[in-house]
């Protein structure tokens, strides 16, 4: 295992801080704790998954067990960005694991969801935590995740990537 982050190689996250080799690299335990503490996603949701970092702070999840390191372009699903002030879940991770969330979930009605998916920021009240939220909408009678939003000062900012924004 390298002592530094490499932008061309996936390196498996250490299980705990005691086994960390690269300074600043998150651990599997920290990633699972983040999803559990921030969104109420049970840690057991990630049983059978391995976590990988490519570059500095780009965390990927894979439903497979590899020994690594691996020099390829993509591996599994991008799940989290960690080398910034606040960890940011990816849209892909929210769509995959957001249905397990029980905290910091904001459901939008049809009009608001349509605007959110188009990349619009929404003025709205929210009595929960500020920061990144899992945004949902009722689809076929079920609350389904549609993306990540960032809530501050009465505004829900759409974090839908520009290439995935849709107008209906």
Foldseek 3Di string as FASTA:
>chain_A
DDQEAAQQKKDWFAQDPVPDRHPPGDHLVVVLCCCCVAFVQHSCVLVQKTWIDHGAFFIAIANHDDPDGDGDDDHHGGAWGDPDPDIDGFFRNCQVRVLRGDHQEAEDEPVVVLCLLQFDKDQADDPHDFAKGFYWYQDPNDTGTRGIWGDDDRITGRPNDNVRRDHD
